[in-house]
């Protein structure tokens, strides 16, 4: 998180730094005064003024109320603005068409479906650098959390529901992706790699995936969804276009919420 490689991650790092600096305006003086007062008013210092009946100082009251109030006001405005600016459901403004990825959290691996390309992968996510990535995320097991620390926000993956996340990588690289929510004995190895590559490299990656003999229909998916630990990277040259919706629908009497108009429609 402190070495971000995308605009969302950079904005979050800036938010953390700004909020921390604002709070240090109170924390640092308090720590310094504790040390100074402890030294100045030690029992052996006979030169310190002893004022047992002292009870009020307008100057001190002004400082201890005004400074924290201003900091809270500043943090409140900062939080309000950044909460909306960094809303994970808010699309990233870009002249480049986003790539869509459907994410399914399983025990204990990640399935990535590219609906527009008709391919899928396990524990490896690839996308072109400088291209927004629109994620739709769900779980076919317990609640989990999808997180690529160097790119930005994490968001929960829940069975029968779909959450959204928008990220972008401004620099090419091989980034760690993790599960940020404990989900059982295989949790510690529930990791994936996020590959931000050039458009040409992404096209080559897609061709490599399409060359795989494996196909992801519902029967193959049922096998993939079985609990496993330290799952290796896997590729599927084709994928059932209804798979993601069917995974959600099986927890909702065959229905999936249409994110375009908020209606509940039968899918699959």
Protein backbone atom coordinates (compact mmCIF):
# COMPACT_ATOMS: atom_id res chain seq x y z
CA UNK A 1 0.00 0.00 0.00
CA UNK A 2 2.93 2.36 0.61
CA UNK A 3 4.36 1.59 -2.84
CA UNK A 4 1.30 2.08 -5.06
CA UNK A 5 1.42 1.47 -8.80
CA UNK A 6 -2.00 2.79 -9.76
CA UNK A 7 -3.96 6.02 -9.42
CA UNK A 8 -6.37 4.55 -6.86
CA UNK A 9 -3.53 3.24 -4.71
CA UNK A 10 -1.69 6.56 -4.97
CA UNK A 11 -4.78 8.47 -3.86
CA UNK A 12 -5.22 6.12 -0.90
CA UNK A 13 -1.58 6.52 0.09
CA UNK A 14 -2.00 10.30 -0.05
CA UNK A 15 -5.10 10.04 2.13
CA UNK A 16 -3.29 7.92 4.73
CA UNK A 17 -0.31 10.28 4.78
CA UNK A 18 -2.44 13.42 5.04
CA UNK A 19 -4.64 12.02 7.81
CA UNK A 20 -1.60 10.78 9.75
CA UNK A 21 0.16 14.15 9.52
CA UNK A 22 -2.98 15.94 10.68
CA UNK A 23 -3.30 13.70 13.73
CA UNK A 24 0.39 14.10 14.55
CA UNK A 25 -0.30 17.81 15.10
CA UNK A 26 -1.89 16.71 18.39
CA UNK A 27 0.06 13.55 19.13
CA UNK A 28 3.61 14.94 18.83
CA UNK A 29 3.10 18.00 21.10
CA UNK A 30 1.36 15.82 23.70
CA UNK A 31 4.28 13.36 23.79
CA UNK A 32 6.79 16.22 23.99
CA UNK A 33 4.87 17.93 26.81
CA UNK A 34 4.66 14.69 28.78
CA UNK A 35 8.44 14.37 28.69
CA UNK A 36 9.02 18.07 29.42
CA UNK A 37 6.57 18.17 32.31
CA UNK A 38 7.95 14.96 33.80
CA UNK A 39 11.44 16.46 33.76
CA UNK A 40 10.54 20.00 34.81
CA UNK A 41 8.30 19.01 37.70
CA UNK A 42 10.40 16.15 39.04
CA UNK A 43 10.69 15.99 42.82
CA UNK A 44 14.35 17.09 42.85
CA UNK A 45 13.72 20.31 40.87
CA UNK A 46 13.26 23.00 43.53
CA UNK A 47 13.08 25.81 40.96
CA UNK A 48 9.77 24.69 39.43
CA UNK A 49 6.76 26.76 40.46
CA UNK A 50 4.43 24.91 42.80
CA UNK A 51 0.81 26.10 42.34
CA UNK A 52 -1.55 23.67 44.06
CA UNK A 53 -4.59 25.97 43.66
CA UNK A 54 -4.11 26.62 39.93
CA UNK A 55 -7.26 25.60 38.05
CA UNK A 56 -7.76 27.56 34.83
CA UNK A 57 -5.91 29.02 31.85
CA UNK A 58 -7.81 30.71 29.05
CA UNK A 59 -4.86 30.25 26.70
CA UNK A 60 -4.64 26.50 27.35
CA UNK A 61 -8.41 26.05 27.06
CA UNK A 62 -8.38 27.89 23.73
CA UNK A 63 -5.60 25.72 22.34
CA UNK A 64 -6.90 22.34 23.56
CA UNK A 65 -10.36 22.99 22.13
CA UNK A 66 -9.57 24.93 18.96
CA UNK A 67 -6.78 22.76 17.53
CA UNK A 68 -8.58 19.38 17.86
CA UNK A 69 -11.81 20.92 16.56
CA UNK A 70 -10.05 22.23 13.46
CA UNK A 71 -8.34 18.87 12.92
CA UNK A 72 -11.64 16.97 13.23
CA UNK A 73 -13.29 19.41 10.81
CA UNK A 74 -10.42 18.99 8.35
CA UNK A 75 -10.48 15.19 8.61
CA UNK A 76 -14.26 15.16 8.24
CA UNK A 77 -14.15 17.14 5.00
CA UNK A 78 -11.20 15.08 3.74
CA UNK A 79 -12.98 11.82 4.53
CA UNK A 80 -16.23 12.94 2.91
CA UNK A 81 -14.50 13.95 -0.32
CA UNK A 82 -12.23 10.93 -0.62
CA UNK A 83 -15.01 8.49 0.31
CA UNK A 84 -16.85 9.58 -2.82
CA UNK A 85 -13.77 10.01 -5.01
CA UNK A 86 -12.45 6.55 -4.08
CA UNK A 87 -15.81 4.77 -4.06
CA UNK A 88 -14.95 1.26 -5.36
CA UNK A 89 -18.18 1.27 -7.40
CA UNK A 90 -17.19 4.49 -9.18
CA UNK A 91 -15.78 3.86 -12.68
CA UNK A 92 -12.32 5.23 -13.39
CA UNK A 93 -12.36 8.12 -15.85
CA UNK A 94 -10.24 7.15 -18.83
CA UNK A 95 -10.20 7.47 -22.60
CA UNK A 96 -9.30 3.77 -22.73
CA UNK A 97 -12.13 1.25 -22.79
CA UNK A 98 -12.11 -0.78 -19.55
CA UNK A 99 -11.63 -4.52 -19.48
CA UNK A 100 -14.26 -6.52 -17.61
CA UNK A 101 -13.35 -9.32 -15.22
CA UNK A 102 -15.68 -11.51 -13.16
CA UNK A 103 -14.04 -12.78 -9.97
CA UNK A 104 -15.14 -15.80 -7.95
CA UNK A 105 -13.65 -16.55 -4.54
CA UNK A 106 -13.39 -20.30 -3.96
CA UNK A 107 -11.80 -22.58 -1.34
CA UNK A 108 -8.91 -21.61 -1.54
CA UNK A 109 -8.23 -20.02 -4.88
CA UNK A 110 -9.42 -17.26 -7.18
CA UNK A 111 -11.23 -17.76 -10.47
CA UNK A 112 -11.05 -14.94 -13.04
CA UNK A 113 -13.52 -14.92 -15.92
CA UNK A 114 -13.11 -12.59 -18.90
CA UNK A 115 -16.67 -12.46 -20.28
CA UNK A 116 -15.80 -10.36 -23.33
CA UNK A 117 -12.89 -12.64 -24.27
CA UNK A 118 -14.55 -15.93 -23.37
CA UNK A 119 -11.59 -17.20 -21.33
CA UNK A 120 -10.84 -17.80 -17.66
CA UNK A 121 -7.88 -18.37 -15.37
CA UNK A 122 -7.18 -19.56 -11.86
CA UNK A 123 -4.86 -17.62 -9.54
CA UNK A 124 -3.54 -15.39 -12.31
CA UNK A 125 -5.04 -12.09 -13.42
CA UNK A 126 -3.69 -10.23 -16.45
CA UNK A 127 -4.66 -6.86 -17.89
CA UNK A 128 -3.06 -4.11 -19.99
CA UNK A 129 -1.22 -1.35 -18.15
CA UNK A 130 -3.06 1.97 -18.28
CA UNK A 131 -6.40 0.24 -18.87
CA UNK A 132 -9.17 0.44 -16.24
CA UNK A 133 -10.33 -2.93 -14.95
CA UNK A 134 -13.97 -3.31 -13.96
CA UNK A 135 -14.36 -6.17 -11.51
CA UNK A 136 -17.58 -7.93 -10.55
CA UNK A 137 -16.88 -10.07 -7.52
CA UNK A 138 -18.72 -12.89 -5.77
CA UNK A 139 -18.00 -15.98 -3.70
CA UNK A 140 -19.02 -19.60 -4.02
CA UNK A 141 -17.99 -20.30 -0.45
CA UNK A 142 -17.64 -18.26 2.74
CA UNK A 143 -17.24 -14.48 2.70
CA UNK A 144 -13.85 -13.42 1.42
CA UNK A 145 -12.04 -10.24 0.46
CA UNK A 146 -10.36 -9.40 -2.85
CA UNK A 147 -7.25 -7.23 -2.51
CA UNK A 148 -4.33 -6.14 -4.70
CA UNK A 149 -2.45 -3.90 -2.21
CA UNK A 150 -0.32 -1.99 -4.73
CA UNK A 151 -3.29 -1.09 -6.91
CA UNK A 152 -5.84 0.03 -4.35
CA UNK A 153 -9.02 -0.84 -2.53
CA UNK A 154 -10.07 -4.20 -1.18
CA UNK A 155 -13.68 -5.31 -1.30
CA UNK A 156 -15.64 -8.24 0.07
CA UNK A 157 -16.73 -11.26 -1.95
CA UNK A 158 -20.00 -12.77 -0.68
CA UNK A 159 -22.04 -15.73 -1.82
CA UNK A 160 -25.25 -14.81 -3.62
CA UNK A 161 -24.11 -11.22 -4.05
CA UNK A 162 -21.89 -9.29 -6.42
CA UNK A 163 -19.72 -6.39 -5.42
CA UNK A 164 -17.82 -4.09 -7.74
CA UNK A 165 -14.31 -2.69 -7.85
CA UNK A 166 -12.51 -0.45 -10.33
CA UNK A 167 -8.71 -0.43 -10.48
CA UNK A 168 -5.97 0.62 -12.87
CA UNK A 169 -2.22 0.00 -13.03
CA UNK A 170 -0.14 2.94 -14.21
CA UNK A 171 3.06 0.91 -14.26
CA UNK A 172 3.75 -2.53 -15.68
CA UNK A 173 4.53 -5.14 -13.07
CA UNK A 174 3.79 -8.43 -11.36
CA UNK A 175 1.72 -7.58 -8.28
CA UNK A 176 0.63 -9.72 -5.36
CA UNK A 177 -3.06 -10.39 -4.90
CA UNK A 178 -4.39 -11.79 -1.65
CA UNK A 179 -7.41 -12.81 0.32
CA UNK A 180 -7.82 -10.21 3.07
CA UNK A 181 -10.47 -12.10 5.05
CA UNK A 182 -9.87 -15.34 6.95
CA UNK A 183 -11.68 -18.17 5.20
CA UNK A 184 -10.39 -21.42 6.65
CA UNK A 185 -7.31 -23.61 6.70
CA UNK A 186 -6.17 -22.73 3.17
CA UNK A 187 -6.47 -18.98 3.71
CA UNK A 188 -2.75 -18.26 4.02
CA UNK A 189 -2.07 -19.67 0.54
CA UNK A 190 -5.09 -18.10 -1.15
CA UNK A 191 -2.96 -15.82 -3.29
CA UNK A 192 -2.78 -14.83 -6.93
CA UNK A 193 -0.60 -12.74 -9.23
CA UNK A 194 -1.87 -9.63 -10.99
CA UNK A 195 0.07 -9.03 -14.20
CA UNK A 196 -0.02 -5.49 -15.58
CA UNK A 197 1.48 -5.85 -19.05
CA UNK A 198 1.69 -4.02 -22.36
CA UNK A 199 -1.24 -4.43 -24.79
CA UNK A 200 0.89 -6.70 -26.98
CA UNK A 201 1.85 -8.85 -24.00
CA UNK A 202 -1.78 -9.03 -22.93
CA UNK A 203 -2.84 -10.19 -26.39
CA UNK A 204 -0.13 -12.86 -26.22
CA UNK A 205 -1.39 -13.92 -22.78
CA UNK A 206 -4.94 -14.24 -24.11
CA UNK A 207 -3.70 -16.37 -27.00
CA UNK A 208 -1.82 -18.59 -24.53
CA UNK A 209 -4.99 -19.04 -22.50
CA UNK A 210 -7.02 -19.82 -25.63
CA UNK A 211 -4.50 -22.52 -26.50
CA UNK A 212 -5.36 -24.42 -23.33
CA UNK A 213 -7.26 -27.68 -23.89
CA UNK A 214 -9.37 -27.10 -20.79
CA UNK A 215 -12.91 -25.70 -21.09
CA UNK A 216 -14.90 -24.26 -18.22
CA UNK A 217 -18.51 -25.40 -18.39
CA UNK A 218 -20.65 -26.10 -15.33
CA UNK A 219 -19.35 -29.65 -14.96
CA UNK A 220 -15.72 -28.52 -15.14
CA UNK A 221 -16.50 -25.68 -12.76
CA UNK A 222 -17.87 -28.07 -10.15
CA UNK A 223 -14.51 -29.82 -10.19
CA UNK A 224 -12.56 -26.54 -9.98
CA UNK A 225 -14.74 -25.36 -7.09
CA UNK A 226 -13.75 -28.29 -4.88
CA UNK A 227 -11.62 -27.17 -1.89
CA UNK A 228 -7.91 -27.24 -2.61
CA UNK A 229 -4.79 -25.57 -1.23
CA UNK A 230 -1.82 -24.02 -3.05
CA UNK A 231 -3.67 -24.31 -6.34
CA UNK A 232 -1.36 -23.77 -9.35
CA UNK A 233 -2.17 -21.32 -12.12
CA UNK A 234 -4.69 -22.75 -14.56
CA UNK A 235 -6.16 -21.62 -17.88
CA UNK A 236 -9.46 -22.26 -19.65
CA UNK A 237 -9.77 -21.57 -23.36
CA UNK A 238 -13.54 -21.16 -23.18
CA UNK A 239 -16.05 -20.48 -20.45
CA UNK A 240 -19.80 -20.78 -20.13
CA UNK A 241 -21.10 -17.22 -20.53
CA UNK A 242 -23.74 -17.88 -17.86
CA UNK A 243 -21.30 -19.23 -15.27
CA UNK A 244 -20.86 -16.13 -13.12
CA UNK A 245 -24.59 -15.44 -12.95
CA UNK A 246 -25.35 -19.09 -12.27
CA UNK A 247 -22.94 -19.07 -9.31
CA UNK A 248 -24.79 -16.11 -7.82
CA UNK A 249 -28.24 -17.39 -8.73
CA UNK A 250 -27.90 -20.71 -6.92
CA UNK A 251 -27.99 -18.79 -3.62
CA UNK A 252 -31.01 -16.67 -4.65
CA UNK A 253 -33.65 -19.08 -5.94
CA UNK A 254 -32.25 -18.75 -9.44
CA UNK A 255 -32.23 -14.96 -9.53
CA UNK A 256 -29.50 -12.36 -9.93
CA UNK A 257 -29.75 -8.63 -9.25
CA UNK A 258 -29.40 -6.69 -12.49
CA UNK A 259 -26.91 -3.93 -11.66
CA UNK A 260 -28.11 -1.80 -14.57
CA UNK A 261 -31.67 -1.26 -13.34
CA UNK A 262 -31.76 -2.85 -9.87
CA UNK A 263 -34.32 -5.47 -10.89
CA UNK A 264 -34.07 -9.08 -9.84
CA UNK A 265 -34.10 -11.27 -12.92
CA UNK A 266 -33.74 -14.97 -13.56
CA UNK A 267 -30.33 -15.83 -14.94
CA UNK A 268 -28.68 -18.95 -16.30
